[in-house]
Amino acid sequence: MSHCELEAVTQHINDRIVAIRRVLELRIIAKDVEKGPILRKIGQGIVATDGLLDQFEKCIGRQRDLLTHLKELEEFFKEDVRNGKHLKDNMPTHMPRKGQPLVIGEAPALCQTGPVDTPPSQPENPRKTSKNHIREMPFITITEFENIPQYMKGRMSFDQLNAAVQSLNSAVTGKYKILQQKTMNNATRKLHQRFKDEETKDTKGQHFVVEADIKEFTQLKVDKRFQGILNMLRHCQRLRELRGGGITRYVLL
């Protein structure tokens, strides 16, 4: 046994002797008729203090749980802010802006009484329009969202789900715009080749994205929460999964 260990054992024994002496002194004092009630009052105070300490520990536990919950809410709010910023930065061009009037038709032309020389309309090429059209996933309606089972929704809100729909549409648009390009740089050419390699006979005529497209064109995190979003979109008949070649393709319905 080392010198330090011997000193520690000696100190422990001395502390125990001192404690025993105090107990013996208290036993003698407890037999005193005058000092006995004082000791009992002190004992009651100790018991009450111990109860207060227990309540204090429980209160600390509740505050700790509340702090954890608030941190989770903070993360959700931060994600809402990121999604809102992404929606603001990627506003669809066809969506009316605030204060912008909707133009249904050329009303002044209806007020003309004389003959109007109407230039011959150029015939449209329906094949070209159909080929260049990029599909988008329709947003989830309130009714559809309410019909999603609660275990599937979890803490996902209506706005958060539609923000994810907008992000997926951005991925689809970004991908198929590249597929329609004629001139490309090296980076775009590599993406174009990957898009072509991921196509199969089952995806012919379909619009789809893979996880790499989502990471390339959106700020969505492909994690457990994202898988929950996909489950809800499949439930609402917005997309389906097509697996093959080690790749999961999310095909728009």
C-alpha atoms as a PDB file:
ATOM      1  CA  MET A   1       0.000   0.000   0.000  1.00  0.00           C
ATOM      2  CA  SER A   2       1.432   3.347  -0.992  1.00  0.00           C
ATOM      3  CA  HIS A   3       1.909   6.303   1.321  1.00  0.00           C
ATOM      4  CA  CYS A   4      -0.984   8.237  -0.271  1.00  0.00           C
ATOM      5  CA  GLU A   5      -3.377   5.312   0.056  1.00  0.00           C
ATOM      6  CA  LEU A   6      -2.399   4.844   3.724  1.00  0.00           C
ATOM      7  CA  GLU A   7      -3.102   8.515   4.442  1.00  0.00           C
ATOM      8  CA  ALA A   8      -6.493   8.260   2.724  1.00  0.00           C
ATOM      9  CA  VAL A   9      -7.475   5.192   4.805  1.00  0.00           C
ATOM     10  CA  THR A  10      -6.297   6.907   7.973  1.00  0.00           C
ATOM     11  CA  GLN A  11      -8.359  10.022   7.169  1.00  0.00           C
ATOM     12  CA  HIS A  12     -11.436   7.893   6.461  1.00  0.00           C
ATOM     13  CA  ILE A  13     -11.094   6.059   9.804  1.00  0.00           C
ATOM     14  CA  ASN A  14     -10.654   9.339  11.679  1.00  0.00           C
ATOM     15  CA  ASP A  15     -13.765  10.787   9.970  1.00  0.00           C
ATOM     16  CA  ARG A  16     -15.762   7.713  11.011  1.00  0.00           C
ATOM     17  CA  ILE A  17     -14.547   8.047  14.617  1.00  0.00           C
ATOM     18  CA  VAL A  18     -15.563  11.710  14.696  1.00  0.00           C
ATOM     19  CA  ALA A  19     -19.009  10.820  13.282  1.00  0.00           C
ATOM     20  CA  ILE A  20     -19.512   8.088  15.906  1.00  0.00           C
ATOM     21  CA  ARG A  21     -18.539  10.482  18.686  1.00  0.00           C
ATOM     22  CA  ARG A  22     -21.092  13.020  17.431  1.00  0.00           C
ATOM     23  CA  VAL A  23     -23.800  10.341  17.370  1.00  0.00           C
ATOM     24  CA  LEU A  24     -22.986   9.354  20.949  1.00  0.00           C
ATOM     25  CA  GLU A  25     -23.083  12.990  22.000  1.00  0.00           C
ATOM     26  CA  LEU A  26     -26.432  13.440  20.304  1.00  0.00           C
ATOM     27  CA  ARG A  27     -27.792  10.346  22.045  1.00  0.00           C
ATOM     28  CA  ILE A  28     -26.776  11.812  25.383  1.00  0.00           C
ATOM     29  CA  ILE A  29     -28.340  15.150  24.471  1.00  0.00           C
ATOM     30  CA  ALA A  30     -31.537  13.410  23.295  1.00  0.00           C
ATOM     31  CA  LYS A  31     -32.059  12.055  26.805  1.00  0.00           C
ATOM     32  CA  ASP A  32     -32.015  15.590  28.121  1.00  0.00           C
ATOM     33  CA  VAL A  33     -35.601  16.738  28.755  1.00  0.00           C
ATOM     34  CA  GLU A  34     -34.894  20.303  27.627  1.00  0.00           C
ATOM     35  CA  LYS A  35     -32.760  19.595  24.548  1.00  0.00           C
ATOM     36  CA  GLY A  36     -34.773  16.618  23.240  1.00  0.00           C
ATOM     37  CA  PRO A  37     -37.590  18.726  21.675  1.00  0.00           C
ATOM     38  CA  ILE A  38     -34.972  20.909  19.966  1.00  0.00           C
ATOM     39  CA  LEU A  39     -33.372  17.865  18.349  1.00  0.00           C
ATOM     40  CA  ARG A  40     -36.738  16.559  17.202  1.00  0.00           C
ATOM     41  CA  LYS A  41     -37.546  19.957  15.673  1.00  0.00           C
ATOM     42  CA  ILE A  42     -34.196  19.915  13.880  1.00  0.00           C
ATOM     43  CA  GLY A  43     -34.967  16.397  12.590  1.00  0.00           C
ATOM     44  CA  GLN A  44     -38.343  17.560  11.273  1.00  0.00           C
ATOM     45  CA  GLY A  45     -36.605  20.457   9.513  1.00  0.00           C
ATOM     46  CA  ILE A  46     -34.145  18.052   7.911  1.00  0.00           C
ATOM     47  CA  VAL A  47     -36.993  15.852   6.646  1.00  0.00           C
ATOM     48  CA  ALA A  48     -38.797  18.902   5.247  1.00  0.00           C
ATOM     49  CA  THR A  49     -35.594  20.095   3.557  1.00  0.00           C
ATOM     50  CA  ASP A  50     -35.097  16.640   2.036  1.00  0.00           C
ATOM     51  CA  GLY A  51     -38.631  16.799   0.607  1.00  0.00           C
ATOM     52  CA  LEU A  52     -37.919  20.219  -0.889  1.00  0.00           C
ATOM     53  CA  LEU A  53     -34.751  18.853  -2.482  1.00  0.00           C
ATOM     54  CA  ASP A  54     -36.758  16.028  -4.071  1.00  0.00           C
ATOM     55  CA  GLN A  55     -39.246  18.526  -5.510  1.00  0.00           C
ATOM     56  CA  PHE A  56     -36.367  20.679  -6.742  1.00  0.00           C
ATOM     57  CA  GLU A  57     -34.799  17.703  -8.548  1.00  0.00           C
ATOM     58  CA  LYS A  58     -38.136  16.877 -10.202  1.00  0.00           C
ATOM     59  CA  CYS A  59     -38.516  20.512 -11.283  1.00  0.00           C
ATOM     60  CA  ILE A  60     -35.030  20.438 -12.799  1.00  0.00           C
ATOM     61  CA  GLY A  61     -35.939  17.260 -14.702  1.00  0.00           C
ATOM     62  CA  ARG A  62     -39.089  18.891 -16.108  1.00  0.00           C
ATOM     63  CA  GLN A  63     -37.135  21.994 -17.143  1.00  0.00           C
ATOM     64  CA  ARG A  64     -34.518  19.811 -18.819  1.00  0.00           C
ATOM     65  CA  ASP A  65     -37.222  18.004 -20.816  1.00  0.00           C
ATOM     66  CA  LEU A  66     -38.778  21.357 -21.739  1.00  0.00           C
ATOM     67  CA  LEU A  67     -35.404  22.645 -22.917  1.00  0.00           C
ATOM     68  CA  THR A  68     -34.950  19.575 -25.114  1.00  0.00           C
ATOM     69  CA  HIS A  69     -38.423  20.100 -26.615  1.00  0.00           C
ATOM     70  CA  LEU A  70     -37.692  23.779 -27.267  1.00  0.00           C
ATOM     71  CA  LYS A  71     -34.468  22.879 -29.055  1.00  0.00           C
ATOM     72  CA  GLU A  72     -36.423  20.478 -31.284  1.00  0.00           C
ATOM     73  CA  LEU A  73     -38.945  23.248 -32.033  1.00  0.00           C
ATOM     74  CA  GLU A  74     -36.074  25.593 -32.846  1.00  0.00           C
ATOM     75  CA  GLU A  75     -34.750  23.120 -35.425  1.00  0.00           C
ATOM     76  CA  PHE A  76     -38.212  22.834 -36.994  1.00  0.00           C
ATOM     77  CA  PHE A  77     -38.515  26.642 -37.177  1.00  0.00           C
ATOM     78  CA  LYS A  78     -35.065  26.915 -38.748  1.00  0.00           C
ATOM     79  CA  GLU A  79     -36.075  24.352 -41.343  1.00  0.00           C
ATOM     80  CA  ASP A  80     -39.279  26.306 -42.049  1.00  0.00           C
ATOM     81  CA  VAL A  81     -37.181  29.441 -42.573  1.00  0.00           C
ATOM     82  CA  ARG A  82     -34.863  27.580 -44.967  1.00  0.00           C
ATOM     83  CA  ASN A  83     -37.832  26.158 -46.878  1.00  0.00           C
ATOM     84  CA  GLY A  84     -39.471  29.593 -47.035  1.00  0.00           C
ATOM     85  CA  LYS A  85     -36.283  31.165 -48.343  1.00  0.00           C
ATOM     86  CA  HIS A  86     -35.974  28.423 -50.930  1.00  0.00           C
ATOM     87  CA  LEU A  87     -39.574  28.999 -52.048  1.00  0.00           C
ATOM     88  CA  LYS A  88     -38.935  32.730 -52.270  1.00  0.00           C
ATOM     89  CA  ASP A  89     -35.787  32.233 -54.334  1.00  0.00           C
ATOM     90  CA  ASN A  90     -37.438  29.668 -56.625  1.00  0.00           C
ATOM     91  CA  MET A  91     -40.852  31.250 -57.204  1.00  0.00           C
ATOM     92  CA  PRO A  92     -42.477  29.789 -60.354  1.00  0.00           C
ATOM     93  CA  THR A  93     -42.566  32.286 -63.189  1.00  0.00           C
ATOM     94  CA  HIS A  94     -46.237  31.559 -63.924  1.00  0.00           C
ATOM     95  CA  MET A  95     -47.353  32.412 -60.385  1.00  0.00           C
ATOM     96  CA  PRO A  96     -48.893  35.935 -60.075  1.00  0.00           C
ATOM     97  CA  ARG A  97     -46.838  38.347 -57.984  1.00  0.00           C
ATOM     98  CA  LYS A  98     -48.265  40.515 -55.217  1.00  0.00           C
ATOM     99  CA  GLY A  99     -49.984  43.559 -56.706  1.00  0.00           C
ATOM    100  CA  GLN A 100     -49.778  42.180 -60.243  1.00  0.00           C
ATOM    101  CA  PRO A 101     -53.194  42.141 -61.990  1.00  0.00           C
ATOM    102  CA  LEU A 102     -54.363  38.989 -63.694  1.00  0.00           C
ATOM    103  CA  VAL A 103     -54.790  39.575 -67.430  1.00  0.00           C
ATOM    104  CA  ILE A 104     -57.545  37.333 -68.728  1.00  0.00           C
ATOM    105  CA  GLY A 105     -57.807  38.795 -72.202  1.00  0.00           C
ATOM    106  CA  GLU A 106     -57.401  41.958 -74.234  1.00  0.00           C
ATOM    107  CA  ALA A 107     -60.514  43.856 -73.125  1.00  0.00           C
ATOM    108  CA  PRO A 108     -59.963  47.039 -75.243  1.00  0.00           C
ATOM    109  CA  ALA A 109     -60.325  45.014 -78.417  1.00  0.00           C
ATOM    110  CA  LEU A 110     -63.962  44.315 -77.535  1.00  0.00           C
ATOM    111  CA  CYS A 111     -64.806  48.013 -77.644  1.00  0.00           C
ATOM    112  CA  GLN A 112     -63.783  48.518 -81.267  1.00  0.00           C
ATOM    113  CA  THR A 113     -66.711  48.937 -83.665  1.00  0.00           C
ATOM    114  CA  GLY A 114     -64.847  48.912 -86.944  1.00  0.00           C
ATOM    115  CA  PRO A 115     -63.274  45.970 -88.648  1.00  0.00           C
ATOM    116  CA  VAL A 116     -60.152  44.747 -87.053  1.00  0.00           C
ATOM    117  CA  ASP A 117     -57.252  43.403 -89.037  1.00  0.00           C
ATOM    118  CA  THR A 118     -56.236  40.332 -87.201  1.00  0.00           C
ATOM    119  CA  PRO A 119     -52.857  38.952 -88.224  1.00  0.00           C
ATOM    120  CA  PRO A 120     -52.978  35.304 -89.111  1.00  0.00           C
ATOM    121  CA  SER A 121     -52.044  33.201 -86.125  1.00  0.00           C
ATOM    122  CA  GLN A 122     -48.977  31.086 -86.446  1.00  0.00           C
ATOM    123  CA  PRO A 123     -49.803  27.394 -86.234  1.00  0.00           C
ATOM    124  CA  GLU A 124     -48.377  25.830 -83.126  1.00  0.00           C
ATOM    125  CA  ASN A 125     -46.369  22.697 -83.209  1.00  0.00           C
ATOM    126  CA  PRO A 126     -48.107  20.449 -80.674  1.00  0.00           C
ATOM    127  CA  ARG A 127     -45.357  17.847 -80.874  1.00  0.00           C
ATOM    128  CA  LYS A 128     -42.679  20.368 -79.921  1.00  0.00           C
ATOM    129  CA  THR A 129     -44.782  21.813 -77.081  1.00  0.00           C
ATOM    130  CA  SER A 130     -45.497  18.355 -75.675  1.00  0.00           C
ATOM    131  CA  LYS A 131     -41.868  17.333 -75.892  1.00  0.00           C
ATOM    132  CA  ASN A 132     -40.597  20.430 -74.095  1.00  0.00           C
ATOM    133  CA  HIS A 133     -43.261  20.396 -71.421  1.00  0.00           C
ATOM    134  CA  ILE A 134     -41.895  19.568 -67.966  1.00  0.00           C
ATOM    135  CA  ARG A 135     -44.376  17.988 -65.618  1.00  0.00           C
ATOM    136  CA  GLU A 136     -44.802  19.153 -62.042  1.00  0.00           C
ATOM    137  CA  MET A 137     -46.243  17.417 -59.031  1.00  0.00           C
ATOM    138  CA  PRO A 138     -49.543  19.023 -57.925  1.00  0.00           C
ATOM    139  CA  PHE A 139     -49.539  20.478 -54.439  1.00  0.00           C
ATOM    140  CA  ILE A 140     -51.268  18.603 -51.610  1.00  0.00           C
ATOM    141  CA  THR A 141     -54.738  19.902 -50.765  1.00  0.00           C
ATOM    142  CA  ILE A 142     -56.065  20.451 -47.260  1.00  0.00           C
ATOM    143  CA  THR A 143     -58.448  17.516 -47.644  1.00  0.00           C
ATOM    144  CA  GLU A 144     -55.663  15.195 -48.769  1.00  0.00           C
ATOM    145  CA  PHE A 145     -53.442  16.309 -45.905  1.00  0.00           C
ATOM    146  CA  GLU A 146     -56.181  15.692 -43.339  1.00  0.00           C
ATOM    147  CA  ASN A 147     -56.735  12.185 -44.730  1.00  0.00           C
ATOM    148  CA  ILE A 148     -53.073  11.222 -44.196  1.00  0.00           C
ATOM    149  CA  PRO A 149     -52.836   8.952 -41.109  1.00  0.00           C
ATOM    150  CA  GLN A 150     -51.437  10.708 -38.057  1.00  0.00           C
ATOM    151  CA  TYR A 151     -48.728   8.104 -37.535  1.00  0.00           C
ATOM    152  CA  MET A 152     -47.498   8.923 -41.047  1.00  0.00           C
ATOM    153  CA  LYS A 153     -47.640  12.719 -40.633  1.00  0.00           C
ATOM    154  CA  GLY A 154     -45.979  12.920 -37.220  1.00  0.00           C
ATOM    155  CA  ARG A 155     -45.084  16.583 -36.666  1.00  0.00           C
ATOM    156  CA  MET A 156     -45.091  17.435 -40.370  1.00  0.00           C
ATOM    157  CA  SER A 157     -47.294  20.455 -41.139  1.00  0.00           C
ATOM    158  CA  PHE A 158     -49.313  21.169 -44.273  1.00  0.00           C
ATOM    159  CA  ASP A 159     -46.940  23.966 -45.338  1.00  0.00           C
ATOM    160  CA  GLN A 160     -43.836  21.851 -44.741  1.00  0.00           C
ATOM    161  CA  LEU A 161     -45.196  19.047 -46.910  1.00  0.00           C
ATOM    162  CA  ASN A 162     -46.015  21.411 -49.783  1.00  0.00           C
ATOM    163  CA  ALA A 163     -42.592  23.033 -49.413  1.00  0.00           C
ATOM    164  CA  ALA A 164     -41.130  19.583 -50.028  1.00  0.00           C
ATOM    165  CA  VAL A 165     -43.390  19.204 -53.084  1.00  0.00           C
ATOM    166  CA  GLN A 166     -42.054  22.518 -54.405  1.00  0.00           C
ATOM    167  CA  SER A 167     -38.469  21.350 -53.847  1.00  0.00           C
ATOM    168  CA  LEU A 168     -39.116  18.083 -55.698  1.00  0.00           C
ATOM    169  CA  ASN A 169     -40.650  20.058 -58.566  1.00  0.00           C
ATOM    170  CA  SER A 170     -37.497  22.195 -58.637  1.00  0.00           C
ATOM    171  CA  ALA A 171     -35.420  19.036 -58.939  1.00  0.00           C
ATOM    172  CA  VAL A 172     -37.597  17.748 -61.791  1.00  0.00           C
ATOM    173  CA  THR A 173     -37.456  21.100 -63.596  1.00  0.00           C
ATOM    174  CA  GLY A 174     -33.696  21.428 -63.168  1.00  0.00           C
ATOM    175  CA  LYS A 175     -33.091  17.915 -64.468  1.00  0.00           C
ATOM    176  CA  TYR A 176     -35.316  18.049 -67.540  1.00  0.00           C
ATOM    177  CA  LYS A 177     -34.156  21.518 -68.538  1.00  0.00           C
ATOM    178  CA  ILE A 178     -30.669  20.068 -68.834  1.00  0.00           C
ATOM    179  CA  LEU A 179     -32.022  17.133 -70.832  1.00  0.00           C
ATOM    180  CA  GLN A 180     -33.548  19.627 -73.290  1.00  0.00           C
ATOM    181  CA  GLN A 181     -30.354  21.666 -73.726  1.00  0.00           C
ATOM    182  CA  LYS A 182     -28.437  21.497 -76.977  1.00  0.00           C
ATOM    183  CA  THR A 183     -25.218  23.234 -75.901  1.00  0.00           C
ATOM    184  CA  MET A 184     -23.593  22.227 -72.606  1.00  0.00           C
ATOM    185  CA  ASN A 185     -20.394  22.730 -70.661  1.00  0.00           C
ATOM    186  CA  ASN A 186     -18.442  19.846 -69.139  1.00  0.00           C
ATOM    187  CA  ALA A 187     -20.334  19.799 -65.821  1.00  0.00           C
ATOM    188  CA  THR A 188     -23.725  19.934 -67.530  1.00  0.00           C
ATOM    189  CA  ARG A 189     -22.659  17.259 -70.022  1.00  0.00           C
ATOM    190  CA  LYS A 190     -21.763  14.913 -67.154  1.00  0.00           C
ATOM    191  CA  LEU A 191     -25.172  15.480 -65.565  1.00  0.00           C
ATOM    192  CA  HIS A 192     -26.853  14.928 -68.920  1.00  0.00           C
ATOM    193  CA  GLN A 193     -25.035  11.620 -69.356  1.00  0.00           C
ATOM    194  CA  ARG A 194     -25.972  10.474 -65.843  1.00  0.00           C
ATOM    195  CA  PHE A 195     -29.625  11.319 -66.489  1.00  0.00           C
ATOM    196  CA  LYS A 196     -29.538   9.217 -69.656  1.00  0.00           C
ATOM    197  CA  ASP A 197     -27.816   6.307 -67.911  1.00  0.00           C
ATOM    198  CA  GLU A 198     -30.520   6.238 -65.230  1.00  0.00           C
ATOM    199  CA  GLU A 199     -33.359   5.911 -67.746  1.00  0.00           C
ATOM    200  CA  THR A 200     -34.880   2.499 -68.405  1.00  0.00           C
ATOM    201  CA  LYS A 201     -37.600   1.132 -70.620  1.00  0.00           C
ATOM    202  CA  ASP A 202     -39.996   1.480 -67.655  1.00  0.00           C
ATOM    203  CA  THR A 203     -39.289   5.219 -67.339  1.00  0.00           C
ATOM    204  CA  LYS A 204     -39.879   6.015 -71.006  1.00  0.00           C
ATOM    205  CA  GLY A 205     -42.267   8.973 -71.247  1.00  0.00           C
ATOM    206  CA  GLN A 206     -42.160   9.451 -67.448  1.00  0.00           C
ATOM    207  CA  HIS A 207     -40.665  12.222 -65.343  1.00  0.00           C
ATOM    208  CA  PHE A 208     -38.590  11.000 -62.412  1.00  0.00           C
ATOM    209  CA  VAL A 209     -35.752  12.017 -60.110  1.00  0.00           C
ATOM    210  CA  VAL A 210     -33.271  10.129 -57.951  1.00  0.00           C
ATOM    211  CA  GLU A 211     -31.578  11.039 -54.682  1.00  0.00           C
ATOM    212  CA  ALA A 212     -28.601  12.521 -56.532  1.00  0.00           C
ATOM    213  CA  ASP A 213     -30.961  14.923 -58.385  1.00  0.00           C
ATOM    214  CA  ILE A 214     -32.548  16.023 -55.096  1.00  0.00           C
ATOM    215  CA  LYS A 215     -29.118  16.767 -53.624  1.00  0.00           C
ATOM    216  CA  GLU A 216     -28.050  18.542 -56.833  1.00  0.00           C
ATOM    217  CA  PHE A 217     -31.024  20.879 -57.305  1.00  0.00           C
ATOM    218  CA  THR A 218     -32.590  21.307 -53.831  1.00  0.00           C
ATOM    219  CA  GLN A 219     -31.701  21.877 -50.200  1.00  0.00           C
ATOM    220  CA  LEU A 220     -33.686  18.873 -49.004  1.00  0.00           C
ATOM    221  CA  LYS A 221     -31.846  16.431 -46.779  1.00  0.00           C
ATOM    222  CA  VAL A 222     -32.258  12.825 -47.862  1.00  0.00           C
ATOM    223  CA  ASP A 223     -32.739  11.425 -44.357  1.00  0.00           C
ATOM    224  CA  LYS A 224     -35.369   9.660 -42.243  1.00  0.00           C
ATOM    225  CA  ARG A 225     -37.632  12.724 -42.373  1.00  0.00           C
ATOM    226  CA  PHE A 226     -37.392  12.744 -46.168  1.00  0.00           C
ATOM    227  CA  GLN A 227     -38.475   9.097 -46.272  1.00  0.00           C
ATOM    228  CA  GLY A 228     -41.544  10.083 -44.258  1.00  0.00           C
ATOM    229  CA  ILE A 229     -42.317  12.785 -46.842  1.00  0.00           C
ATOM    230  CA  LEU A 230     -42.068  10.206 -49.627  1.00  0.00           C
ATOM    231  CA  ASN A 231     -44.466   7.910 -47.764  1.00  0.00           C
ATOM    232  CA  MET A 232     -47.032  10.715 -47.539  1.00  0.00           C
ATOM    233  CA  LEU A 233     -46.627  11.608 -51.228  1.00  0.00           C
ATOM    234  CA  ARG A 234     -47.109   7.961 -52.196  1.00  0.00           C
ATOM    235  CA  HIS A 235     -50.201   7.875 -49.981  1.00  0.00           C
ATOM    236  CA  CYS A 236     -51.549  10.945 -51.838  1.00  0.00           C
ATOM    237  CA  GLN A 237     -50.821   9.341 -55.249  1.00  0.00           C
ATOM    238  CA  ARG A 238     -48.202  11.933 -56.203  1.00  0.00           C
ATOM    239  CA  LEU A 239     -45.356   9.556 -57.011  1.00  0.00           C
ATOM    240  CA  ARG A 240     -44.247   5.954 -57.001  1.00  0.00           C
ATOM    241  CA  GLU A 241     -40.904   4.249 -56.530  1.00  0.00           C
ATOM    242  CA  LEU A 242     -39.172   2.315 -59.291  1.00  0.00           C
ATOM    243  CA  ARG A 243     -36.077   0.382 -58.263  1.00  0.00           C
ATOM    244  CA  GLY A 244     -33.433  -1.095 -60.496  1.00  0.00           C
ATOM    245  CA  GLY A 245     -29.693  -1.117 -60.957  1.00  0.00           C
ATOM    246  CA  GLY A 246     -29.130  -0.111 -57.332  1.00  0.00           C
ATOM    247  CA  ILE A 247     -31.037   3.158 -57.868  1.00  0.00           C
ATOM    248  CA  THR A 248     -34.424   4.216 -56.528  1.00  0.00           C
ATOM    249  CA  ARG A 249     -36.330   6.378 -59.010  1.00  0.00           C
ATOM    250  CA  TYR A 250     -39.181   8.609 -57.791  1.00  0.00           C
ATOM    251  CA  VAL A 251     -41.631   8.722 -60.699  1.00  0.00           C
ATOM    252  CA  LEU A 252     -44.294  11.442 -60.868  1.00  0.00           C
ATOM    253  CA  LEU A 253     -47.846  10.165 -61.275  1.00  0.00           C
END
